[in-house]
C-alpha cells in the first residue's frame, strides 16, 4: 500500500456499472425554506463523489468554502499482510444477507425503466432545542448520537415495513479521508461495515455491534473488495455487480454526514429560515435511503423508500414521522 495519490476511483466503477441496469446514482442535497417547506434540490453523482464530497461540492457552489473535510482517525491503509490478518480475524455474522419485507412490488421498474430507483423523498427537521433534546436522549441511552439516530430509523422501518421478527443487515459507511489519498477531496473515500440488526434491538446493542466491526477494521476489507476493479476491470465489475445484486439484500444504507457548515469566517450569514437536507440513492438491494445532517445546530432528516418495497408516499411520510417520534421519546 502507498499514500501516493490515486487517480482512478475504483468505487465509482460500481455506480457506473449500476447505471447500465437502470439504477440512477444521483444523490440529492439542498436548502429548505422552513416557512414554505420548498427545497431547492441539487444532485451529484455517486460515480464521481461520495456523500460527504457531494455535500461539500454543492455547498462550495453556494459560497461555503468547506476547506478541510472531515478525516478518519486512521493514519494509513493496511499493508497486504495486515489485510490478510484482518480477513482471518474478521467477526463472523450469524445471519445471511437477506431480508423479508411486508410488501414488495416486483414490477416496480416497468413504470420507469430508465431510472428504476426513483421515489419521492420525505424530509423533516428539528428546532435547536429539539436537537439538543435528542442529543441528551442519546447520552441517556449511553450511546453516540449517530448510533441513536440509527436505532430510531431502524425501529421505524422494522415496525412499519418488515414481515415479522428477523435478523438482517444495514450498510454503515465509514469515511477514509486522511489515510487514503485520491486525486481530489470529493471523490469516493467511503468504505463501510455491515451491521447485523433485528426488529427490536436496543441502542446499546447497536453500538456494541458497531464497535466490534470498527475494532476489527472491517471497513478495510470492504474497501479492498470494492477495489477489485483494479484487477478484473470494468467488465468484471459489471458482471460481479449483477451476480451479487441477485443474492444479497440489505435494509438500506445509513448516512449521517455530521455537523455543517464547516467552520469558516468566509461562510455566508446564517439564515434562520433555511436548513439543508439530503438523501441517498437507494436500490432494490438497499431500499431504505436516508440522509442526516446537523445544520447550524438543527437536525435534518431525509427518507426515501425504494419502489420495490413502497409505492405509497404516505407510507414514507409515516415512517419519517415515526423516526422523528422515536428520536424525541427514546426507547420507552
C-alpha atoms as a PDB file:
ATOM      1  CA  UNK A   1       0.000   0.000   0.000  1.00  0.00           C
ATOM      2  CA  UNK A   2       1.121   3.591  -0.599  1.00  0.00           C
ATOM      3  CA  UNK A   3      -0.030   7.094   0.179  1.00  0.00           C
ATOM      4  CA  UNK A   4       0.655   8.235  -3.394  1.00  0.00           C
ATOM      5  CA  UNK A   5      -2.408   9.960  -4.790  1.00  0.00           C
ATOM      6  CA  UNK A   6      -4.662   7.559  -6.665  1.00  0.00           C
ATOM      7  CA  UNK A   7      -6.169   8.941  -9.865  1.00  0.00           C
ATOM      8  CA  UNK A   8      -8.640   6.117 -10.596  1.00  0.00           C
ATOM      9  CA  UNK A   9     -11.778   5.926  -8.450  1.00  0.00           C
ATOM     10  CA  UNK A  10     -12.451   2.187  -8.325  1.00  0.00           C
ATOM     11  CA  UNK A  11     -15.518   2.669  -6.104  1.00  0.00           C
ATOM     12  CA  UNK A  12     -17.020   4.730  -8.926  1.00  0.00           C
ATOM     13  CA  UNK A  13     -16.878   1.685 -11.215  1.00  0.00           C
ATOM     14  CA  UNK A  14     -19.680   0.041  -9.227  1.00  0.00           C
ATOM     15  CA  UNK A  15     -22.024   3.001  -9.637  1.00  0.00           C
ATOM     16  CA  UNK A  16     -21.176   3.317 -13.312  1.00  0.00           C
ATOM     17  CA  UNK A  17     -21.989  -0.382 -13.749  1.00  0.00           C
ATOM     18  CA  UNK A  18     -25.319   0.030 -11.949  1.00  0.00           C
ATOM     19  CA  UNK A  19     -26.362   2.741 -14.400  1.00  0.00           C
ATOM     20  CA  UNK A  20     -26.372   0.116 -17.143  1.00  0.00           C
ATOM     21  CA  UNK A  21     -29.092  -1.698 -15.201  1.00  0.00           C
ATOM     22  CA  UNK A  22     -31.278   1.419 -14.935  1.00  0.00           C
ATOM     23  CA  UNK A  23     -30.115   2.426 -11.457  1.00  0.00           C
ATOM     24  CA  UNK A  24     -29.563   6.165 -11.269  1.00  0.00           C
ATOM     25  CA  UNK A  25     -26.710   7.204  -8.962  1.00  0.00           C
ATOM     26  CA  UNK A  26     -27.757  10.786  -8.229  1.00  0.00           C
ATOM     27  CA  UNK A  27     -27.800  11.804  -4.576  1.00  0.00           C
ATOM     28  CA  UNK A  28     -29.683  14.923  -3.530  1.00  0.00           C
ATOM     29  CA  UNK A  29     -28.953  17.842  -1.259  1.00  0.00           C
ATOM     30  CA  UNK A  30     -30.327  21.337  -0.952  1.00  0.00           C
ATOM     31  CA  UNK A  31     -31.609  24.168   1.234  1.00  0.00           C
ATOM     32  CA  UNK A  32     -35.171  24.026   2.542  1.00  0.00           C
ATOM     33  CA  UNK A  33     -37.153  27.193   3.180  1.00  0.00           C
ATOM     34  CA  UNK A  34     -38.643  26.410   6.582  1.00  0.00           C
ATOM     35  CA  UNK A  35     -41.548  28.797   6.037  1.00  0.00           C
ATOM     36  CA  UNK A  36     -42.725  27.307   2.727  1.00  0.00           C
ATOM     37  CA  UNK A  37     -41.129  23.805   3.033  1.00  0.00           C
ATOM     38  CA  UNK A  38     -39.834  24.235  -0.515  1.00  0.00           C
ATOM     39  CA  UNK A  39     -36.467  22.609  -1.280  1.00  0.00           C
ATOM     40  CA  UNK A  40     -34.028  23.741  -3.958  1.00  0.00           C
ATOM     41  CA  UNK A  41     -32.598  20.309  -4.734  1.00  0.00           C
ATOM     42  CA  UNK A  42     -29.191  19.821  -6.319  1.00  0.00           C
ATOM     43  CA  UNK A  43     -27.907  16.431  -7.434  1.00  0.00           C
ATOM     44  CA  UNK A  44     -24.447  14.901  -7.569  1.00  0.00           C
ATOM     45  CA  UNK A  45     -23.410  11.504  -8.986  1.00  0.00           C
ATOM     46  CA  UNK A  46     -22.027   8.813  -6.698  1.00  0.00           C
ATOM     47  CA  UNK A  47     -19.951   7.648  -9.660  1.00  0.00           C
ATOM     48  CA  UNK A  48     -17.860  10.799  -9.103  1.00  0.00           C
ATOM     49  CA  UNK A  49     -18.033  11.512  -5.370  1.00  0.00           C
ATOM     50  CA  UNK A  50     -19.280  10.162  -2.057  1.00  0.00           C
ATOM     51  CA  UNK A  51     -21.962  11.761   0.114  1.00  0.00           C
ATOM     52  CA  UNK A  52     -19.597  13.951   2.091  1.00  0.00           C
ATOM     53  CA  UNK A  53     -17.780  15.038  -1.059  1.00  0.00           C
ATOM     54  CA  UNK A  54     -21.036  15.759  -2.855  1.00  0.00           C
ATOM     55  CA  UNK A  55     -22.368  17.848   0.021  1.00  0.00           C
ATOM     56  CA  UNK A  56     -19.130  19.850   0.071  1.00  0.00           C
ATOM     57  CA  UNK A  57     -19.280  20.325  -3.708  1.00  0.00           C
ATOM     58  CA  UNK A  58     -22.811  21.743  -3.614  1.00  0.00           C
ATOM     59  CA  UNK A  59     -22.083  23.911  -0.565  1.00  0.00           C
ATOM     60  CA  UNK A  60     -18.995  25.348  -2.254  1.00  0.00           C
ATOM     61  CA  UNK A  61     -21.196  26.403  -5.163  1.00  0.00           C
ATOM     62  CA  UNK A  62     -23.350  28.274  -2.610  1.00  0.00           C
ATOM     63  CA  UNK A  63     -20.407  30.181  -1.152  1.00  0.00           C
ATOM     64  CA  UNK A  64     -19.333  27.873   1.684  1.00  0.00           C
ATOM     65  CA  UNK A  65     -15.546  27.191   1.452  1.00  0.00           C
ATOM     66  CA  UNK A  66     -15.598  23.707   3.059  1.00  0.00           C
ATOM     67  CA  UNK A  67     -11.808  23.903   3.115  1.00  0.00           C
ATOM     68  CA  UNK A  68     -10.861  20.923   5.269  1.00  0.00           C
ATOM     69  CA  UNK A  69     -13.232  17.976   5.010  1.00  0.00           C
ATOM     70  CA  UNK A  70     -13.522  15.607   7.996  1.00  0.00           C
ATOM     71  CA  UNK A  71     -10.849  12.910   8.121  1.00  0.00           C
ATOM     72  CA  UNK A  72     -10.512   9.452   9.636  1.00  0.00           C
ATOM     73  CA  UNK A  73      -8.531   8.740  12.801  1.00  0.00           C
ATOM     74  CA  UNK A  74      -6.601   6.157  10.760  1.00  0.00           C
ATOM     75  CA  UNK A  75      -3.101   7.169   9.663  1.00  0.00           C
ATOM     76  CA  UNK A  76      -2.520   4.878   6.684  1.00  0.00           C
ATOM     77  CA  UNK A  77      -4.064   1.942   4.807  1.00  0.00           C
ATOM     78  CA  UNK A  78      -3.115  -1.564   5.960  1.00  0.00           C
ATOM     79  CA  UNK A  79      -0.386  -3.479   4.186  1.00  0.00           C
ATOM     80  CA  UNK A  80      -1.207  -6.662   2.285  1.00  0.00           C
ATOM     81  CA  UNK A  81      -0.066  -8.746   5.261  1.00  0.00           C
ATOM     82  CA  UNK A  82      -2.246  -6.674   7.586  1.00  0.00           C
ATOM     83  CA  UNK A  83      -5.210  -7.119   5.239  1.00  0.00           C
ATOM     84  CA  UNK A  84      -4.771 -10.876   5.278  1.00  0.00           C
ATOM     85  CA  UNK A  85      -4.667 -10.833   9.076  1.00  0.00           C
ATOM     86  CA  UNK A  86      -7.822  -8.722   9.214  1.00  0.00           C
ATOM     87  CA  UNK A  87      -9.501 -11.166   6.862  1.00  0.00           C
ATOM     88  CA  UNK A  88      -8.520 -14.116   9.034  1.00  0.00           C
ATOM     89  CA  UNK A  89      -9.701 -12.430  12.239  1.00  0.00           C
ATOM     90  CA  UNK A  90     -12.892 -10.902  10.801  1.00  0.00           C
ATOM     91  CA  UNK A  91     -16.005 -11.275  13.007  1.00  0.00           C
ATOM     92  CA  UNK A  92     -18.471 -13.857  11.747  1.00  0.00           C
ATOM     93  CA  UNK A  93     -22.122 -12.986  11.134  1.00  0.00           C
ATOM     94  CA  UNK A  94     -24.897 -15.352  12.199  1.00  0.00           C
ATOM     95  CA  UNK A  95     -27.411 -14.317   9.514  1.00  0.00           C
ATOM     96  CA  UNK A  96     -27.443 -14.383   5.743  1.00  0.00           C
ATOM     97  CA  UNK A  97     -27.762 -11.140   3.782  1.00  0.00           C
ATOM     98  CA  UNK A  98     -31.479 -11.496   3.137  1.00  0.00           C
ATOM     99  CA  UNK A  99     -34.489  -9.576   4.375  1.00  0.00           C
ATOM    100  CA  UNK A 100     -38.236 -10.185   4.253  1.00  0.00           C
ATOM    101  CA  UNK A 101     -40.401  -7.142   3.567  1.00  0.00           C
ATOM    102  CA  UNK A 102     -44.085  -6.940   4.431  1.00  0.00           C
ATOM    103  CA  UNK A 103     -44.905  -5.980   0.845  1.00  0.00           C
ATOM    104  CA  UNK A 104     -42.869  -5.980  -2.378  1.00  0.00           C
ATOM    105  CA  UNK A 105     -43.636  -4.840  -5.899  1.00  0.00           C
ATOM    106  CA  UNK A 106     -41.585  -6.915  -8.364  1.00  0.00           C
ATOM    107  CA  UNK A 107     -42.867  -4.927 -11.352  1.00  0.00           C
ATOM    108  CA  UNK A 108     -41.713  -1.557  -9.953  1.00  0.00           C
ATOM    109  CA  UNK A 109     -39.261  -0.969 -12.816  1.00  0.00           C
ATOM    110  CA  UNK A 110     -41.848  -1.156 -15.589  1.00  0.00           C
ATOM    111  CA  UNK A 111     -43.193   2.309 -14.799  1.00  0.00           C
ATOM    112  CA  UNK A 112     -39.806   3.996 -15.189  1.00  0.00           C
ATOM    113  CA  UNK A 113     -37.261   1.616 -16.751  1.00  0.00           C
ATOM    114  CA  UNK A 114     -34.637   4.332 -17.281  1.00  0.00           C
ATOM    115  CA  UNK A 115     -34.492   5.137 -13.565  1.00  0.00           C
ATOM    116  CA  UNK A 116     -35.960   2.224 -11.664  1.00  0.00           C
ATOM    117  CA  UNK A 117     -34.945   3.525  -8.227  1.00  0.00           C
ATOM    118  CA  UNK A 118     -36.726   6.885  -8.406  1.00  0.00           C
ATOM    119  CA  UNK A 119     -39.073   7.660  -5.496  1.00  0.00           C
ATOM    120  CA  UNK A 120     -40.326  10.672  -3.507  1.00  0.00           C
ATOM    121  CA  UNK A 121     -38.180  11.964  -0.635  1.00  0.00           C
ATOM    122  CA  UNK A 122     -39.773  12.829   2.708  1.00  0.00           C
ATOM    123  CA  UNK A 123     -37.927  15.468   4.718  1.00  0.00           C
ATOM    124  CA  UNK A 124     -38.134  16.840   8.223  1.00  0.00           C
ATOM    125  CA  UNK A 125     -36.146  18.862  10.718  1.00  0.00           C
ATOM    126  CA  UNK A 126     -35.955  19.766  14.396  1.00  0.00           C
ATOM    127  CA  UNK A 127     -35.516  23.063  16.196  1.00  0.00           C
ATOM    128  CA  UNK A 128     -32.275  23.728  18.048  1.00  0.00           C
ATOM    129  CA  UNK A 129     -33.989  22.934  21.371  1.00  0.00           C
ATOM    130  CA  UNK A 130     -35.362  19.665  19.971  1.00  0.00           C
ATOM    131  CA  UNK A 131     -31.943  18.790  18.553  1.00  0.00           C
ATOM    132  CA  UNK A 132     -30.374  19.359  21.968  1.00  0.00           C
ATOM    133  CA  UNK A 133     -33.068  17.141  23.495  1.00  0.00           C
ATOM    134  CA  UNK A 134     -32.200  14.373  21.028  1.00  0.00           C
ATOM    135  CA  UNK A 135     -28.534  14.709  21.964  1.00  0.00           C
ATOM    136  CA  UNK A 136     -29.485  14.358  25.630  1.00  0.00           C
ATOM    137  CA  UNK A 137     -31.583  11.295  24.821  1.00  0.00           C
ATOM    138  CA  UNK A 138     -28.553   9.710  23.159  1.00  0.00           C
ATOM    139  CA  UNK A 139     -26.500  10.354  26.308  1.00  0.00           C
ATOM    140  CA  UNK A 140     -29.319   8.944  28.436  1.00  0.00           C
ATOM    141  CA  UNK A 141     -29.095   5.719  26.444  1.00  0.00           C
ATOM    142  CA  UNK A 142     -25.278   5.812  26.767  1.00  0.00           C
ATOM    143  CA  UNK A 143     -24.665   5.832  23.032  1.00  0.00           C
ATOM    144  CA  UNK A 144     -23.184   8.191  20.454  1.00  0.00           C
ATOM    145  CA  UNK A 145     -25.593  10.485  18.621  1.00  0.00           C
ATOM    146  CA  UNK A 146     -25.109   8.687  15.287  1.00  0.00           C
ATOM    147  CA  UNK A 147     -25.990   5.352  16.935  1.00  0.00           C
ATOM    148  CA  UNK A 148     -29.140   6.839  18.467  1.00  0.00           C
ATOM    149  CA  UNK A 149     -30.177   8.215  15.061  1.00  0.00           C
ATOM    150  CA  UNK A 150     -29.540   4.778  13.549  1.00  0.00           C
ATOM    151  CA  UNK A 151     -31.569   2.999  16.246  1.00  0.00           C
ATOM    152  CA  UNK A 152     -34.559   5.324  15.776  1.00  0.00           C
ATOM    153  CA  UNK A 153     -34.534   4.809  11.991  1.00  0.00           C
ATOM    154  CA  UNK A 154     -34.212   1.031  12.274  1.00  0.00           C
ATOM    155  CA  UNK A 155     -37.127   0.920  14.744  1.00  0.00           C
ATOM    156  CA  UNK A 156     -39.375   2.952  12.415  1.00  0.00           C
ATOM    157  CA  UNK A 157     -38.570   0.739   9.429  1.00  0.00           C
ATOM    158  CA  UNK A 158     -38.890  -2.540  11.364  1.00  0.00           C
ATOM    159  CA  UNK A 159     -42.292  -1.676  12.832  1.00  0.00           C
ATOM    160  CA  UNK A 160     -43.794  -0.464   9.557  1.00  0.00           C
ATOM    161  CA  UNK A 161     -42.173  -2.411   6.717  1.00  0.00           C
ATOM    162  CA  UNK A 162     -40.701  -5.723   7.889  1.00  0.00           C
ATOM    163  CA  UNK A 163     -42.539  -9.046   7.745  1.00  0.00           C
ATOM    164  CA  UNK A 164     -42.083 -10.208  11.319  1.00  0.00           C
ATOM    165  CA  UNK A 165     -39.115 -10.581  13.659  1.00  0.00           C
ATOM    166  CA  UNK A 166     -35.863 -11.315  11.827  1.00  0.00           C
ATOM    167  CA  UNK A 167     -32.125 -10.672  11.609  1.00  0.00           C
ATOM    168  CA  UNK A 168     -30.922  -8.527   8.716  1.00  0.00           C
ATOM    169  CA  UNK A 169     -28.171  -6.106   7.690  1.00  0.00           C
ATOM    170  CA  UNK A 170     -27.637  -2.392   7.196  1.00  0.00           C
ATOM    171  CA  UNK A 171     -24.651  -0.858   5.458  1.00  0.00           C
ATOM    172  CA  UNK A 172     -22.882   1.688   7.674  1.00  0.00           C
ATOM    173  CA  UNK A 173     -20.475   3.957   5.707  1.00  0.00           C
ATOM    174  CA  UNK A 174     -17.032   4.910   7.037  1.00  0.00           C
ATOM    175  CA  UNK A 175     -15.087   7.973   5.860  1.00  0.00           C
ATOM    176  CA  UNK A 176     -11.463   7.154   4.951  1.00  0.00           C
ATOM    177  CA  UNK A 177     -10.209  10.637   4.099  1.00  0.00           C
ATOM    178  CA  UNK A 178      -6.772  11.002   5.624  1.00  0.00           C
ATOM    179  CA  UNK A 179      -5.289   7.522   5.198  1.00  0.00           C
ATOM    180  CA  UNK A 180      -6.457   7.465   1.567  1.00  0.00           C
ATOM    181  CA  UNK A 181      -5.080   9.995  -0.898  1.00  0.00           C
ATOM    182  CA  UNK A 182      -7.118  10.386  -4.104  1.00  0.00           C
ATOM    183  CA  UNK A 183      -6.820  12.979  -6.850  1.00  0.00           C
ATOM    184  CA  UNK A 184      -9.192  15.392  -5.072  1.00  0.00           C
ATOM    185  CA  UNK A 185     -11.014  15.639  -1.750  1.00  0.00           C
ATOM    186  CA  UNK A 186     -14.544  14.941  -3.042  1.00  0.00           C
ATOM    187  CA  UNK A 187     -14.007  11.533  -4.664  1.00  0.00           C
ATOM    188  CA  UNK A 188     -15.264   8.230  -3.197  1.00  0.00           C
ATOM    189  CA  UNK A 189     -13.366   7.883   0.067  1.00  0.00           C
ATOM    190  CA  UNK A 190     -16.153   5.876   1.693  1.00  0.00           C
ATOM    191  CA  UNK A 191     -15.911   2.292   2.757  1.00  0.00           C
ATOM    192  CA  UNK A 192     -18.164   0.821   5.406  1.00  0.00           C
ATOM    193  CA  UNK A 193     -19.191  -2.029   7.647  1.00  0.00           C
ATOM    194  CA  UNK A 194     -22.137  -4.431   7.517  1.00  0.00           C
ATOM    195  CA  UNK A 195     -24.126  -4.262  10.757  1.00  0.00           C
ATOM    196  CA  UNK A 196     -26.463  -7.104  11.660  1.00  0.00           C
ATOM    197  CA  UNK A 197     -29.611  -5.805  13.400  1.00  0.00           C
ATOM    198  CA  UNK A 198     -33.103  -7.043  14.263  1.00  0.00           C
ATOM    199  CA  UNK A 199     -36.543  -5.526  14.775  1.00  0.00           C
ATOM    200  CA  UNK A 200     -36.228  -4.859  18.495  1.00  0.00           C
ATOM    201  CA  UNK A 201     -32.507  -4.222  19.013  1.00  0.00           C
ATOM    202  CA  UNK A 202     -31.630  -1.567  21.600  1.00  0.00           C
ATOM    203  CA  UNK A 203     -29.366   1.467  21.049  1.00  0.00           C
ATOM    204  CA  UNK A 204     -26.683  -0.027  23.309  1.00  0.00           C
ATOM    205  CA  UNK A 205     -26.699  -3.324  21.393  1.00  0.00           C
ATOM    206  CA  UNK A 206     -26.294  -1.464  18.093  1.00  0.00           C
ATOM    207  CA  UNK A 207     -23.337   0.465  19.490  1.00  0.00           C
ATOM    208  CA  UNK A 208     -21.722  -2.748  20.722  1.00  0.00           C
ATOM    209  CA  UNK A 209     -22.079  -4.371  17.284  1.00  0.00           C
ATOM    210  CA  UNK A 210     -20.645  -1.311  15.556  1.00  0.00           C
ATOM    211  CA  UNK A 211     -17.697  -1.257  17.964  1.00  0.00           C
ATOM    212  CA  UNK A 212     -16.905  -4.900  17.209  1.00  0.00           C
ATOM    213  CA  UNK A 213     -16.743  -4.171  13.475  1.00  0.00           C
ATOM    214  CA  UNK A 214     -14.726  -0.990  13.975  1.00  0.00           C
ATOM    215  CA  UNK A 215     -12.246  -2.729  16.272  1.00  0.00           C
ATOM    216  CA  UNK A 216     -11.824  -5.442  13.628  1.00  0.00           C
ATOM    217  CA  UNK A 217     -11.341  -2.698  10.994  1.00  0.00           C
ATOM    218  CA  UNK A 218     -13.820  -4.490   8.740  1.00  0.00           C
ATOM    219  CA  UNK A 219     -14.097  -1.358   6.587  1.00  0.00           C
ATOM    220  CA  UNK A 220     -10.627  -2.004   5.175  1.00  0.00           C
ATOM    221  CA  UNK A 221     -11.743  -5.421   3.956  1.00  0.00           C
ATOM    222  CA  UNK A 222     -14.776  -3.923   2.192  1.00  0.00           C
ATOM    223  CA  UNK A 223     -12.579  -1.171   0.767  1.00  0.00           C
ATOM    224  CA  UNK A 224     -10.186  -3.787  -0.608  1.00  0.00           C
ATOM    225  CA  UNK A 225     -13.048  -5.873  -2.031  1.00  0.00           C
ATOM    226  CA  UNK A 226     -14.599  -2.799  -3.669  1.00  0.00           C
ATOM    227  CA  UNK A 227     -11.279  -2.139  -5.421  1.00  0.00           C
ATOM    228  CA  UNK A 228     -11.376  -5.466  -7.226  1.00  0.00           C
ATOM    229  CA  UNK A 229     -11.937  -3.489 -10.423  1.00  0.00           C
ATOM    230  CA  UNK A 230      -8.206  -2.804 -10.328  1.00  0.00           C
ATOM    231  CA  UNK A 231      -7.761  -6.498 -11.115  1.00  0.00           C
ATOM    232  CA  UNK A 232     -10.862  -7.534 -13.111  1.00  0.00           C
ATOM    233  CA  UNK A 233     -11.611  -4.241 -14.883  1.00  0.00           C
ATOM    234  CA  UNK A 234     -14.944  -2.578 -15.566  1.00  0.00           C
ATOM    235  CA  UNK A 235     -16.482  -5.555 -17.408  1.00  0.00           C
ATOM    236  CA  UNK A 236     -15.628  -7.783 -14.466  1.00  0.00           C
ATOM    237  CA  UNK A 237     -17.174  -5.332 -12.007  1.00  0.00           C
ATOM    238  CA  UNK A 238     -20.325  -5.155 -14.140  1.00  0.00           C
ATOM    239  CA  UNK A 239     -20.684  -8.948 -14.125  1.00  0.00           C
ATOM    240  CA  UNK A 240     -19.923  -9.188 -10.412  1.00  0.00           C
ATOM    241  CA  UNK A 241     -22.442  -6.477  -9.534  1.00  0.00           C
ATOM    242  CA  UNK A 242     -25.187  -8.336 -11.369  1.00  0.00           C
ATOM    243  CA  UNK A 243     -24.244 -11.592  -9.638  1.00  0.00           C
ATOM    244  CA  UNK A 244     -24.225 -10.017  -6.141  1.00  0.00           C
ATOM    245  CA  UNK A 245     -27.391  -7.979  -6.703  1.00  0.00           C
ATOM    246  CA  UNK A 246     -29.357 -11.178  -7.253  1.00  0.00           C
ATOM    247  CA  UNK A 247     -28.167 -12.700  -3.960  1.00  0.00           C
ATOM    248  CA  UNK A 248     -27.555 -10.060  -1.274  1.00  0.00           C
ATOM    249  CA  UNK A 249     -30.277  -7.833   0.202  1.00  0.00           C
ATOM    250  CA  UNK A 250     -29.978  -5.279   2.984  1.00  0.00           C
ATOM    251  CA  UNK A 251     -32.408  -2.969   4.781  1.00  0.00           C
ATOM    252  CA  UNK A 252     -30.532   0.055   3.485  1.00  0.00           C
ATOM    253  CA  UNK A 253     -27.536   2.301   3.923  1.00  0.00           C
ATOM    254  CA  UNK A 254     -27.324   4.610   6.945  1.00  0.00           C
ATOM    255  CA  UNK A 255     -25.998   8.076   6.102  1.00  0.00           C
ATOM    256  CA  UNK A 256     -25.126  10.615   8.814  1.00  0.00           C
ATOM    257  CA  UNK A 257     -22.959  13.451   7.452  1.00  0.00           C
ATOM    258  CA  UNK A 258     -22.314  15.281  10.723  1.00  0.00           C
ATOM    259  CA  UNK A 259     -22.248  18.995  11.536  1.00  0.00           C
ATOM    260  CA  UNK A 260     -22.485  21.638   8.812  1.00  0.00           C
ATOM    261  CA  UNK A 261     -21.448  24.070   7.548  1.00  0.00           C
ATOM    262  CA  UNK A 262     -17.804  23.506   8.402  1.00  0.00           C
ATOM    263  CA  UNK A 263     -16.409  26.374  10.450  1.00  0.00           C
ATOM    264  CA  UNK A 264     -15.025  29.267   8.392  1.00  0.00           C
ATOM    265  CA  UNK A 265     -15.059  33.074   8.669  1.00  0.00           C
ATOM    266  CA  UNK A 266     -15.934  33.079   4.957  1.00  0.00           C
ATOM    267  CA  UNK A 267     -19.283  31.298   5.415  1.00  0.00           C
ATOM    268  CA  UNK A 268     -22.407  33.221   4.346  1.00  0.00           C
ATOM    269  CA  UNK A 269     -24.535  34.769   7.133  1.00  0.00           C
ATOM    270  CA  UNK A 270     -26.894  32.401   8.965  1.00  0.00           C
ATOM    271  CA  UNK A 271     -30.402  32.318   7.507  1.00  0.00           C
ATOM    272  CA  UNK A 272     -32.781  31.316  10.313  1.00  0.00           C
ATOM    273  CA  UNK A 273     -35.442  30.349   7.742  1.00  0.00           C
ATOM    274  CA  UNK A 274     -33.187  27.890   5.934  1.00  0.00           C
ATOM    275  CA  UNK A 275     -31.985  24.385   6.741  1.00  0.00           C
ATOM    276  CA  UNK A 276     -30.160  21.974   4.452  1.00  0.00           C
ATOM    277  CA  UNK A 277     -31.481  18.466   3.808  1.00  0.00           C
ATOM    278  CA  UNK A 278     -30.136  15.477   1.914  1.00  0.00           C
ATOM    279  CA  UNK A 279     -30.937  11.894   0.888  1.00  0.00           C
ATOM    280  CA  UNK A 280     -29.069   8.975  -0.674  1.00  0.00           C
ATOM    281  CA  UNK A 281     -29.749   6.852  -3.758  1.00  0.00           C
ATOM    282  CA  UNK A 282     -31.440   3.556  -2.924  1.00  0.00           C
ATOM    283  CA  UNK A 283     -31.683   0.310  -4.881  1.00  0.00           C
ATOM    284  CA  UNK A 284     -33.708  -2.871  -4.634  1.00  0.00           C
ATOM    285  CA  UNK A 285     -30.805  -4.299  -2.609  1.00  0.00           C
ATOM    286  CA  UNK A 286     -30.603  -1.258  -0.275  1.00  0.00           C
ATOM    287  CA  UNK A 287     -34.189   0.048  -0.417  1.00  0.00           C
ATOM    288  CA  UNK A 288     -34.199   2.393   2.596  1.00  0.00           C
ATOM    289  CA  UNK A 289     -32.326   5.571   1.648  1.00  0.00           C
ATOM    290  CA  UNK A 290     -31.731   8.339   4.119  1.00  0.00           C
ATOM    291  CA  UNK A 291     -29.708  11.466   4.723  1.00  0.00           C
ATOM    292  CA  UNK A 292     -28.975  13.093   8.076  1.00  0.00           C
ATOM    293  CA  UNK A 293     -27.038  16.221   8.952  1.00  0.00           C
ATOM    294  CA  UNK A 294     -26.935  18.951  11.564  1.00  0.00           C
ATOM    295  CA  UNK A 295     -27.206  22.434  10.042  1.00  0.00           C
ATOM    296  CA  UNK A 296     -26.339  25.287  12.403  1.00  0.00           C
ATOM    297  CA  UNK A 297     -27.281  23.118  15.405  1.00  0.00           C
ATOM    298  CA  UNK A 298     -30.580  21.907  13.882  1.00  0.00           C
ATOM    299  CA  UNK A 299     -31.008  18.272  12.883  1.00  0.00           C
ATOM    300  CA  UNK A 300     -32.498  17.472   9.459  1.00  0.00           C
ATOM    301  CA  UNK A 301     -33.700  14.130   8.090  1.00  0.00           C
ATOM    302  CA  UNK A 302     -34.332  12.807   4.595  1.00  0.00           C
ATOM    303  CA  UNK A 303     -36.005   9.467   3.836  1.00  0.00           C
ATOM    304  CA  UNK A 304     -36.722   7.643   0.582  1.00  0.00           C
ATOM    305  CA  UNK A 305     -38.242   4.170   0.205  1.00  0.00           C
ATOM    306  CA  UNK A 306     -37.415   2.294  -2.979  1.00  0.00           C
ATOM    307  CA  UNK A 307     -40.477   1.439  -5.134  1.00  0.00           C
ATOM    308  CA  UNK A 308     -39.637  -2.254  -4.703  1.00  0.00           C
ATOM    309  CA  UNK A 309     -40.933  -2.012  -1.108  1.00  0.00           C
ATOM    310  CA  UNK A 310     -43.172   1.066  -1.199  1.00  0.00           C
ATOM    311  CA  UNK A 311     -45.461   2.587  -3.824  1.00  0.00           C
ATOM    312  CA  UNK A 312     -47.352   4.911  -1.491  1.00  0.00           C
ATOM    313  CA  UNK A 313     -45.877   8.259  -0.476  1.00  0.00           C
ATOM    314  CA  UNK A 314     -47.996   8.272   2.676  1.00  0.00           C
ATOM    315  CA  UNK A 315     -46.029   5.258   3.973  1.00  0.00           C
ATOM    316  CA  UNK A 316     -42.741   7.118   3.509  1.00  0.00           C
ATOM    317  CA  UNK A 317     -44.207  10.138   5.295  1.00  0.00           C
ATOM    318  CA  UNK A 318     -45.453   7.916   8.132  1.00  0.00           C
ATOM    319  CA  UNK A 319     -42.058   6.227   8.557  1.00  0.00           C
ATOM    320  CA  UNK A 320     -40.403   9.651   8.721  1.00  0.00           C
ATOM    321  CA  UNK A 321     -42.809  10.769  11.446  1.00  0.00           C
ATOM    322  CA  UNK A 322     -42.175   7.550  13.376  1.00  0.00           C
ATOM    323  CA  UNK A 323     -38.433   8.121  13.039  1.00  0.00           C
ATOM    324  CA  UNK A 324     -38.847  11.628  14.461  1.00  0.00           C
ATOM    325  CA  UNK A 325     -41.084  10.370  17.282  1.00  0.00           C
ATOM    326  CA  UNK A 326     -38.562   7.691  18.239  1.00  0.00           C
ATOM    327  CA  UNK A 327     -35.820  10.290  18.454  1.00  0.00           C
ATOM    328  CA  UNK A 328     -37.816  12.541  20.776  1.00  0.00           C
ATOM    329  CA  UNK A 329     -39.254   9.808  23.002  1.00  0.00           C
ATOM    330  CA  UNK A 330     -36.429   7.272  23.091  1.00  0.00           C
ATOM    331  CA  UNK A 331     -36.677   3.559  23.866  1.00  0.00           C
ATOM    332  CA  UNK A 332     -39.597   3.739  26.277  1.00  0.00           C
END
